[in-house]
Amino acid sequence: MRRMPIVLALAAAFTAAAADPAPARRSELLHLVRQDCGACHGLTLKGGLGPSLEPAALAEKDAEQLRLVILYGRRGTPMPPWSPYLSDAEARWIVEQLKTGLPQ
């Protein structure tokens, strides 16, 4: 029974580490957001075919719902599923970046 807290602590540390992509992958993800997402949401992410992805526009949006939209798209709209290209942790990281403002 004493091992359980250690196992839980290790699992939490692994989950936290998995949620933060490596620097090279972060760069790729930011490029994807600016270029691929920007193709519909506007290159400045202020909106276009798709809605604005600026922090003010996303402030009241649920992060979990945004993650699901990124991964699975929105049926009946041009929003495609990105799950073939992104992990769950990467989608979560993108949501965090969008809600706080993309780094330059």
C-alpha atoms as a PDB file:
ATOM      1  CA  MET A   1       0.000   0.000   0.000  1.00  0.00           C
ATOM      2  CA  ARG A   2       2.888   2.382   0.562  1.00  0.00           C
ATOM      3  CA  ARG A   3       3.852   2.084  -3.081  1.00  0.00           C
ATOM      4  CA  MET A   4       0.566   3.507  -4.347  1.00  0.00           C
ATOM      5  CA  PRO A   5       1.452   7.190  -3.642  1.00  0.00           C
ATOM      6  CA  ILE A   6       4.784   6.716  -5.431  1.00  0.00           C
ATOM      7  CA  VAL A   7       3.079   5.122  -8.444  1.00  0.00           C
ATOM      8  CA  LEU A   8       0.495   7.912  -8.550  1.00  0.00           C
ATOM      9  CA  ALA A   9       3.207  10.582  -8.300  1.00  0.00           C
ATOM     10  CA  LEU A  10       5.163   8.984 -11.142  1.00  0.00           C
ATOM     11  CA  ALA A  11       2.024   8.714 -13.278  1.00  0.00           C
ATOM     12  CA  ALA A  12       1.233  12.392 -12.649  1.00  0.00           C
ATOM     13  CA  ALA A  13       4.793  13.419 -13.548  1.00  0.00           C
ATOM     14  CA  PHE A  14       4.686  11.355 -16.753  1.00  0.00           C
ATOM     15  CA  THR A  15       1.315  12.830 -17.728  1.00  0.00           C
ATOM     16  CA  ALA A  16       2.570  16.394 -17.139  1.00  0.00           C
ATOM     17  CA  ALA A  17       5.710  15.739 -19.181  1.00  0.00           C
ATOM     18  CA  ALA A  18       3.704  14.158 -21.989  1.00  0.00           C
ATOM     19  CA  ALA A  19       1.458  17.226 -22.149  1.00  0.00           C
ATOM     20  CA  ASP A  20       4.327  19.537 -23.028  1.00  0.00           C
ATOM     21  CA  PRO A  21       5.787  18.743 -26.469  1.00  0.00           C
ATOM     22  CA  ALA A  22       9.519  18.941 -27.075  1.00  0.00           C
ATOM     23  CA  PRO A  23      10.793  22.317 -28.351  1.00  0.00           C
ATOM     24  CA  ALA A  24      11.123  21.148 -31.965  1.00  0.00           C
ATOM     25  CA  ARG A  25       7.585  19.751 -31.946  1.00  0.00           C
ATOM     26  CA  ARG A  26       6.241  22.947 -30.333  1.00  0.00           C
ATOM     27  CA  SER A  27       7.712  24.862 -33.250  1.00  0.00           C
ATOM     28  CA  GLU A  28       6.010  22.505 -35.710  1.00  0.00           C
ATOM     29  CA  LEU A  29       2.690  22.829 -33.880  1.00  0.00           C
ATOM     30  CA  LEU A  30       2.864  26.625 -33.856  1.00  0.00           C
ATOM     31  CA  HIS A  31       3.603  26.573 -37.592  1.00  0.00           C
ATOM     32  CA  LEU A  32       0.625  24.255 -38.122  1.00  0.00           C
ATOM     33  CA  VAL A  33      -1.680  26.577 -36.173  1.00  0.00           C
ATOM     34  CA  ARG A  34      -0.496  29.688 -37.995  1.00  0.00           C
ATOM     35  CA  GLN A  35      -0.551  28.170 -41.472  1.00  0.00           C
ATOM     36  CA  ASP A  36      -3.029  25.297 -41.557  1.00  0.00           C
ATOM     37  CA  CYS A  37      -5.531  26.638 -39.023  1.00  0.00           C
ATOM     38  CA  GLY A  38      -4.871  30.136 -40.328  1.00  0.00           C
ATOM     39  CA  ALA A  39      -6.008  29.061 -43.789  1.00  0.00           C
ATOM     40  CA  CYS A  40      -9.595  29.050 -42.487  1.00  0.00           C
ATOM     41  CA  HIS A  41      -9.412  31.068 -39.282  1.00  0.00           C
ATOM     42  CA  GLY A  42      -7.411  33.863 -40.919  1.00  0.00           C
ATOM     43  CA  LEU A  43      -3.624  34.133 -40.932  1.00  0.00           C
ATOM     44  CA  THR A  44      -3.876  36.431 -37.916  1.00  0.00           C
ATOM     45  CA  LEU A  45      -6.397  33.993 -36.371  1.00  0.00           C
ATOM     46  CA  LYS A  46      -8.930  36.813 -36.093  1.00  0.00           C
ATOM     47  CA  GLY A  47     -11.468  34.842 -38.090  1.00  0.00           C
ATOM     48  CA  GLY A  48     -12.258  34.053 -41.689  1.00  0.00           C
ATOM     49  CA  LEU A  49     -14.174  31.037 -42.909  1.00  0.00           C
ATOM     50  CA  GLY A  50     -13.811  29.793 -39.318  1.00  0.00           C
ATOM     51  CA  PRO A  51     -14.262  31.853 -36.145  1.00  0.00           C
ATOM     52  CA  SER A  52     -11.585  33.867 -34.376  1.00  0.00           C
ATOM     53  CA  LEU A  53      -9.029  31.883 -32.398  1.00  0.00           C
ATOM     54  CA  GLU A  54      -7.827  34.874 -30.391  1.00  0.00           C
ATOM     55  CA  PRO A  55      -7.743  34.514 -26.585  1.00  0.00           C
ATOM     56  CA  ALA A  56     -10.680  36.914 -26.084  1.00  0.00           C
ATOM     57  CA  ALA A  57     -12.844  34.852 -28.440  1.00  0.00           C
ATOM     58  CA  LEU A  58     -11.899  31.622 -26.656  1.00  0.00           C
ATOM     59  CA  ALA A  59     -12.011  32.921 -23.074  1.00  0.00           C
ATOM     60  CA  GLU A  60     -15.442  31.480 -22.290  1.00  0.00           C
ATOM     61  CA  LYS A  61     -14.946  28.310 -24.324  1.00  0.00           C
ATOM     62  CA  ASP A  62     -14.358  25.033 -22.504  1.00  0.00           C
ATOM     63  CA  ALA A  63     -10.784  23.807 -23.078  1.00  0.00           C
ATOM     64  CA  GLU A  64     -11.889  20.178 -23.219  1.00  0.00           C
ATOM     65  CA  GLN A  65     -14.480  20.945 -25.892  1.00  0.00           C
ATOM     66  CA  LEU A  66     -11.894  22.867 -27.928  1.00  0.00           C
ATOM     67  CA  ARG A  67      -9.516  19.904 -27.685  1.00  0.00           C
ATOM     68  CA  LEU A  68     -12.238  17.583 -28.981  1.00  0.00           C
ATOM     69  CA  VAL A  69     -13.036  19.926 -31.883  1.00  0.00           C
ATOM     70  CA  ILE A  70      -9.355  20.002 -32.845  1.00  0.00           C
ATOM     71  CA  LEU A  71      -9.028  16.231 -32.698  1.00  0.00           C
ATOM     72  CA  TYR A  72     -12.355  15.203 -34.239  1.00  0.00           C
ATOM     73  CA  GLY A  73     -13.486  18.214 -36.261  1.00  0.00           C
ATOM     74  CA  ARG A  74     -17.074  19.407 -36.573  1.00  0.00           C
ATOM     75  CA  ARG A  75     -19.385  17.366 -38.752  1.00  0.00           C
ATOM     76  CA  GLY A  76     -21.223  19.434 -41.348  1.00  0.00           C
ATOM     77  CA  THR A  77     -18.604  22.198 -41.296  1.00  0.00           C
ATOM     78  CA  PRO A  78     -15.226  22.692 -42.988  1.00  0.00           C
ATOM     79  CA  MET A  79     -13.454  21.934 -39.643  1.00  0.00           C
ATOM     80  CA  PRO A  80     -11.501  18.721 -40.283  1.00  0.00           C
ATOM     81  CA  PRO A  81     -10.366  16.194 -37.687  1.00  0.00           C
ATOM     82  CA  TRP A  82      -6.688  16.608 -36.811  1.00  0.00           C
ATOM     83  CA  SER A  83      -6.404  13.368 -34.812  1.00  0.00           C
ATOM     84  CA  PRO A  84      -4.428  11.639 -37.608  1.00  0.00           C
ATOM     85  CA  TYR A  85      -1.695  14.252 -37.148  1.00  0.00           C
ATOM     86  CA  LEU A  86      -1.896  15.281 -33.484  1.00  0.00           C
ATOM     87  CA  SER A  87      -1.791  13.440 -30.215  1.00  0.00           C
ATOM     88  CA  ASP A  88      -4.254  14.189 -27.459  1.00  0.00           C
ATOM     89  CA  ALA A  89      -1.489  15.949 -25.494  1.00  0.00           C
ATOM     90  CA  GLU A  90      -0.549  18.065 -28.518  1.00  0.00           C
ATOM     91  CA  ALA A  91      -4.169  19.137 -29.023  1.00  0.00           C
ATOM     92  CA  ARG A  92      -4.358  20.061 -25.336  1.00  0.00           C
ATOM     93  CA  TRP A  93      -1.143  22.092 -25.680  1.00  0.00           C
ATOM     94  CA  ILE A  94      -2.522  23.925 -28.728  1.00  0.00           C
ATOM     95  CA  VAL A  95      -5.665  24.836 -26.783  1.00  0.00           C
ATOM     96  CA  GLU A  96      -3.535  26.218 -23.930  1.00  0.00           C
ATOM     97  CA  GLN A  97      -1.513  28.289 -26.396  1.00  0.00           C
ATOM     98  CA  LEU A  98      -4.595  29.636 -28.156  1.00  0.00           C
ATOM     99  CA  LYS A  99      -6.312  30.563 -24.896  1.00  0.00           C
ATOM    100  CA  THR A 100      -3.254  32.468 -23.613  1.00  0.00           C
ATOM    101  CA  GLY A 101      -2.080  33.851 -26.966  1.00  0.00           C
ATOM    102  CA  LEU A 102       0.392  32.232 -29.309  1.00  0.00           C
ATOM    103  CA  PRO A 103       4.055  32.972 -28.619  1.00  0.00           C
ATOM    104  CA  GLN A 104       5.848  35.004 -31.227  1.00  0.00           C
END
